[in-house]
Amino acid sequence: MKCISVYTNNFELFSDIYEQVLESPPKENEDIVIEGVTVSGSGDVPDQYIDRMRVKPEVVVMKEKERNIMILQHGNVFEICLPSDEEVEAV
């Protein structure tokens, strides 16, 4: 899965910029700023990463079923995990 990190702990602000992040995501290892929030292309993460994070009590896990997007929130960061291109083609 491709991961995008959004550095804020403000859920309302995250919600406001979420679609904007998905429309023009940063490239891997690229940082962009949207409405004062740093957004980073974190590259690919293995499926096991999500499984490991899911069991941690300090991590909030949200899923957007329609687009198969996982959102992990912990500390001061939201991680948007998107299916990689290969996974989208397989569906």
N, C-alpha and C. Protein backbone atom coordinates (compact mmCIF):
# COMPACT_ATOMS: atom_id res chain seq x y z
N MET A 1 0.84 -1.18 0.00
CA MET A 1 0.00 0.00 0.00
C MET A 1 0.88 1.24 0.00
N LYS A 2 0.41 2.25 -0.68
CA LYS A 2 1.11 3.54 -0.72
C LYS A 2 0.66 4.35 0.50
N CYS A 3 1.59 5.01 1.16
CA CYS A 3 1.26 5.74 2.38
C CYS A 3 1.58 7.23 2.23
N ILE A 4 0.65 8.05 2.71
CA ILE A 4 0.84 9.50 2.73
C ILE A 4 0.68 9.94 4.19
N SER A 5 1.65 10.66 4.71
CA SER A 5 1.60 11.15 6.08
C SER A 5 1.13 12.60 6.10
N VAL A 6 0.17 12.88 6.98
CA VAL A 6 -0.36 14.24 7.13
C VAL A 6 -0.08 14.65 8.57
N TYR A 7 0.78 15.65 8.75
CA TYR A 7 1.28 15.99 10.08
C TYR A 7 0.40 17.02 10.78
N THR A 8 -0.65 16.51 11.42
CA THR A 8 -1.53 17.31 12.27
C THR A 8 -2.24 16.37 13.23
N ASN A 9 -2.63 16.88 14.37
CA ASN A 9 -3.44 16.07 15.29
C ASN A 9 -4.87 16.62 15.33
N ASN A 10 -5.17 17.55 14.43
CA ASN A 10 -6.47 18.20 14.37
C ASN A 10 -7.34 17.47 13.34
N PHE A 11 -8.31 16.67 13.84
CA PHE A 11 -9.14 15.87 12.94
C PHE A 11 -9.96 16.75 11.99
N GLU A 12 -10.46 17.86 12.48
CA GLU A 12 -11.26 18.74 11.65
C GLU A 12 -10.43 19.30 10.48
N LEU A 13 -9.21 19.72 10.78
CA LEU A 13 -8.33 20.23 9.72
C LEU A 13 -7.97 19.11 8.74
N PHE A 14 -7.67 17.93 9.27
CA PHE A 14 -7.38 16.77 8.41
C PHE A 14 -8.56 16.51 7.48
N SER A 15 -9.77 16.52 8.03
CA SER A 15 -10.97 16.27 7.22
C SER A 15 -11.13 17.32 6.12
N ASP A 16 -10.80 18.58 6.46
CA ASP A 16 -10.92 19.65 5.49
C ASP A 16 -9.99 19.49 4.29
N ILE A 17 -8.79 18.94 4.51
CA ILE A 17 -7.81 18.83 3.41
C ILE A 17 -7.71 17.43 2.82
N TYR A 18 -8.43 16.47 3.37
CA TYR A 18 -8.33 15.06 2.97
C TYR A 18 -8.51 14.87 1.45
N GLU A 19 -9.59 15.38 0.88
CA GLU A 19 -9.83 15.20 -0.56
C GLU A 19 -8.76 15.89 -1.39
N GLN A 20 -8.30 17.03 -0.92
CA GLN A 20 -7.25 17.77 -1.62
C GLN A 20 -5.96 16.94 -1.66
N VAL A 21 -5.65 16.26 -0.55
CA VAL A 21 -4.46 15.40 -0.49
C VAL A 21 -4.60 14.25 -1.48
N LEU A 22 -5.78 13.65 -1.54
CA LEU A 22 -5.99 12.53 -2.46
C LEU A 22 -5.96 12.95 -3.92
N GLU A 23 -6.42 14.16 -4.20
CA GLU A 23 -6.45 14.65 -5.58
C GLU A 23 -5.05 14.92 -6.13
N SER A 24 -4.17 15.43 -5.29
CA SER A 24 -2.80 15.70 -5.73
C SER A 24 -1.81 15.29 -4.64
N PRO A 25 -1.64 13.97 -4.48
CA PRO A 25 -0.75 13.47 -3.43
C PRO A 25 0.72 13.78 -3.75
N PRO A 26 1.53 13.92 -2.71
CA PRO A 26 2.95 14.13 -2.95
C PRO A 26 3.59 12.85 -3.48
N LYS A 27 4.67 13.02 -4.23
CA LYS A 27 5.44 11.86 -4.69
C LYS A 27 6.20 11.28 -3.51
N GLU A 28 6.74 10.08 -3.69
CA GLU A 28 7.52 9.45 -2.62
C GLU A 28 8.68 10.36 -2.22
N ASN A 29 8.86 10.52 -0.92
CA ASN A 29 9.91 11.37 -0.32
C ASN A 29 9.75 12.85 -0.64
N GLU A 30 8.56 13.26 -1.03
CA GLU A 30 8.28 14.68 -1.31
C GLU A 30 7.40 15.23 -0.19
N ASP A 31 7.69 16.46 0.23
CA ASP A 31 6.86 17.16 1.21
C ASP A 31 6.16 18.31 0.51
N ILE A 32 4.86 18.43 0.76
CA ILE A 32 4.11 19.58 0.28
C ILE A 32 3.36 20.17 1.47
N VAL A 33 2.91 21.40 1.34
CA VAL A 33 2.16 22.05 2.41
C VAL A 33 0.78 22.42 1.87
N ILE A 34 -0.26 21.95 2.56
CA ILE A 34 -1.63 22.25 2.19
C ILE A 34 -2.28 22.92 3.40
N GLU A 35 -2.72 24.14 3.22
CA GLU A 35 -3.36 24.91 4.30
C GLU A 35 -2.52 24.90 5.58
N GLY A 36 -1.21 25.03 5.42
CA GLY A 36 -0.31 25.10 6.56
C GLY A 36 0.07 23.76 7.17
N VAL A 37 -0.38 22.67 6.57
CA VAL A 37 -0.10 21.32 7.08
C VAL A 37 0.88 20.63 6.15
N THR A 38 1.94 20.05 6.73
CA THR A 38 2.91 19.31 5.93
C THR A 38 2.34 17.94 5.59
N VAL A 39 2.45 17.58 4.32
CA VAL A 39 1.98 16.30 3.80
C VAL A 39 3.16 15.65 3.10
N SER A 40 3.47 14.40 3.46
CA SER A 40 4.64 13.72 2.92
C SER A 40 4.26 12.42 2.22
N GLY A 41 4.93 12.18 1.10
CA GLY A 41 4.80 10.89 0.43
C GLY A 41 5.74 9.92 1.12
N SER A 42 5.18 8.98 1.84
CA SER A 42 6.00 8.06 2.65
C SER A 42 6.36 6.77 1.94
N GLY A 43 5.93 6.62 0.71
CA GLY A 43 6.27 5.41 -0.05
C GLY A 43 5.34 4.26 0.28
N ASP A 44 5.80 3.07 -0.02
CA ASP A 44 4.99 1.87 0.19
C ASP A 44 5.20 1.30 1.59
N VAL A 45 4.11 0.77 2.15
CA VAL A 45 4.19 0.06 3.43
C VAL A 45 3.60 -1.33 3.21
N PRO A 46 4.15 -2.34 3.89
CA PRO A 46 3.58 -3.68 3.75
C PRO A 46 2.24 -3.79 4.48
N ASP A 47 1.42 -4.73 4.06
CA ASP A 47 0.12 -4.94 4.72
C ASP A 47 0.30 -5.25 6.20
N GLN A 48 1.42 -5.89 6.56
CA GLN A 48 1.68 -6.23 7.95
C GLN A 48 1.80 -4.98 8.81
N TYR A 49 2.24 -3.87 8.24
CA TYR A 49 2.36 -2.62 8.99
C TYR A 49 1.00 -2.20 9.53
N ILE A 50 -0.02 -2.28 8.69
CA ILE A 50 -1.36 -1.91 9.12
C ILE A 50 -1.85 -2.87 10.20
N ASP A 51 -1.59 -4.14 10.02
CA ASP A 51 -1.98 -5.13 11.03
C ASP A 51 -1.31 -4.86 12.37
N ARG A 52 -0.02 -4.50 12.34
CA ARG A 52 0.71 -4.20 13.59
C ARG A 52 0.18 -2.94 14.25
N MET A 53 -0.11 -1.91 13.45
CA MET A 53 -0.60 -0.66 14.00
C MET A 53 -2.02 -0.81 14.55
N ARG A 54 -2.81 -1.63 13.92
CA ARG A 54 -4.22 -1.83 14.30
C ARG A 54 -4.37 -2.31 15.75
N VAL A 55 -3.42 -3.08 16.25
CA VAL A 55 -3.53 -3.65 17.60
C VAL A 55 -3.02 -2.71 18.69
N LYS A 56 -2.39 -1.61 18.31
CA LYS A 56 -1.87 -0.68 19.31
C LYS A 56 -3.02 0.19 19.85
N PRO A 57 -3.12 0.30 21.18
CA PRO A 57 -4.24 1.06 21.75
C PRO A 57 -4.21 2.56 21.45
N GLU A 58 -3.04 3.11 21.14
CA GLU A 58 -2.95 4.55 20.88
C GLU A 58 -3.22 4.90 19.42
N VAL A 59 -3.54 3.91 18.61
CA VAL A 59 -3.77 4.14 17.17
C VAL A 59 -5.26 4.03 16.86
N VAL A 60 -5.78 5.05 16.19
CA VAL A 60 -7.16 5.03 15.71
C VAL A 60 -7.12 4.58 14.26
N VAL A 61 -7.92 3.59 13.91
CA VAL A 61 -7.96 3.06 12.55
C VAL A 61 -9.32 3.37 11.94
N MET A 62 -9.30 4.02 10.77
CA MET A 62 -10.53 4.32 10.04
C MET A 62 -10.39 3.71 8.64
N LYS A 63 -11.50 3.31 8.07
CA LYS A 63 -11.44 2.73 6.73
C LYS A 63 -12.51 3.36 5.86
N GLU A 64 -12.08 3.77 4.69
CA GLU A 64 -13.02 4.25 3.68
C GLU A 64 -13.25 3.07 2.74
N LYS A 65 -14.33 2.35 2.94
CA LYS A 65 -14.58 1.10 2.22
C LYS A 65 -14.70 1.29 0.72
N GLU A 66 -15.36 2.36 0.31
CA GLU A 66 -15.61 2.58 -1.11
C GLU A 66 -14.33 2.59 -1.94
N ARG A 67 -13.29 3.24 -1.41
CA ARG A 67 -12.02 3.35 -2.15
C ARG A 67 -10.92 2.48 -1.55
N ASN A 68 -11.28 1.65 -0.56
CA ASN A 68 -10.33 0.75 0.11
C ASN A 68 -9.13 1.52 0.69
N ILE A 69 -9.42 2.63 1.35
CA ILE A 69 -8.38 3.47 1.96
C ILE A 69 -8.40 3.27 3.46
N MET A 70 -7.23 3.04 4.03
CA MET A 70 -7.08 2.93 5.49
C MET A 70 -6.46 4.23 5.99
N ILE A 71 -6.98 4.74 7.10
CA ILE A 71 -6.42 5.94 7.72
C ILE A 71 -6.04 5.58 9.15
N LEU A 72 -4.79 5.78 9.47
CA LEU A 72 -4.29 5.52 10.82
C LEU A 72 -3.99 6.87 11.46
N GLN A 73 -4.45 7.08 12.68
CA GLN A 73 -4.15 8.32 13.38
C GLN A 73 -3.48 7.98 14.69
N HIS A 74 -2.29 8.53 14.88
CA HIS A 74 -1.56 8.33 16.13
C HIS A 74 -0.64 9.51 16.36
N GLY A 75 -0.58 9.95 17.59
CA GLY A 75 0.25 11.12 17.89
C GLY A 75 -0.20 12.31 17.08
N ASN A 76 0.75 12.94 16.43
CA ASN A 76 0.46 14.14 15.63
C ASN A 76 0.46 13.86 14.14
N VAL A 77 0.07 12.64 13.76
CA VAL A 77 0.10 12.31 12.33
C VAL A 77 -1.09 11.42 11.95
N PHE A 78 -1.60 11.69 10.76
CA PHE A 78 -2.57 10.80 10.11
C PHE A 78 -1.82 10.14 8.97
N GLU A 79 -1.99 8.84 8.83
CA GLU A 79 -1.38 8.13 7.70
C GLU A 79 -2.50 7.62 6.81
N ILE A 80 -2.48 8.05 5.57
CA ILE A 80 -3.46 7.61 4.59
C ILE A 80 -2.80 6.49 3.78
N CYS A 81 -3.35 5.29 3.88
CA CYS A 81 -2.79 4.14 3.17
C CYS A 81 -3.72 3.79 2.01
N LEU A 82 -3.20 3.96 0.81
CA LEU A 82 -3.96 3.74 -0.42
C LEU A 82 -3.51 2.44 -1.08
N PRO A 83 -4.42 1.76 -1.75
CA PRO A 83 -3.99 0.58 -2.50
C PRO A 83 -2.97 1.00 -3.55
N SER A 84 -1.94 0.19 -3.74
CA SER A 84 -0.96 0.50 -4.78
C SER A 84 -1.61 0.26 -6.14
N ASP A 85 -0.98 0.73 -7.19
CA ASP A 85 -1.54 0.59 -8.54
C ASP A 85 -1.81 -0.87 -8.90
N GLU A 86 -0.89 -1.75 -8.49
CA GLU A 86 -1.05 -3.16 -8.80
C GLU A 86 -2.29 -3.73 -8.10
N GLU A 87 -2.53 -3.31 -6.83
CA GLU A 87 -3.68 -3.81 -6.09
C GLU A 87 -4.99 -3.32 -6.71
N VAL A 88 -5.00 -2.10 -7.23
CA VAL A 88 -6.19 -1.54 -7.86
C VAL A 88 -6.51 -2.34 -9.12
N GLU A 89 -5.48 -2.67 -9.92
CA GLU A 89 -5.69 -3.42 -11.15
C GLU A 89 -6.21 -4.82 -10.88
N ALA A 90 -5.80 -5.41 -9.74
CA ALA A 90 -6.20 -6.77 -9.41
C ALA A 90 -7.66 -6.84 -8.98
N VAL A 91 -8.24 -5.72 -8.59
CA VAL A 91 -9.62 -5.71 -8.07
C VAL A 91 -10.64 -5.73 -9.17
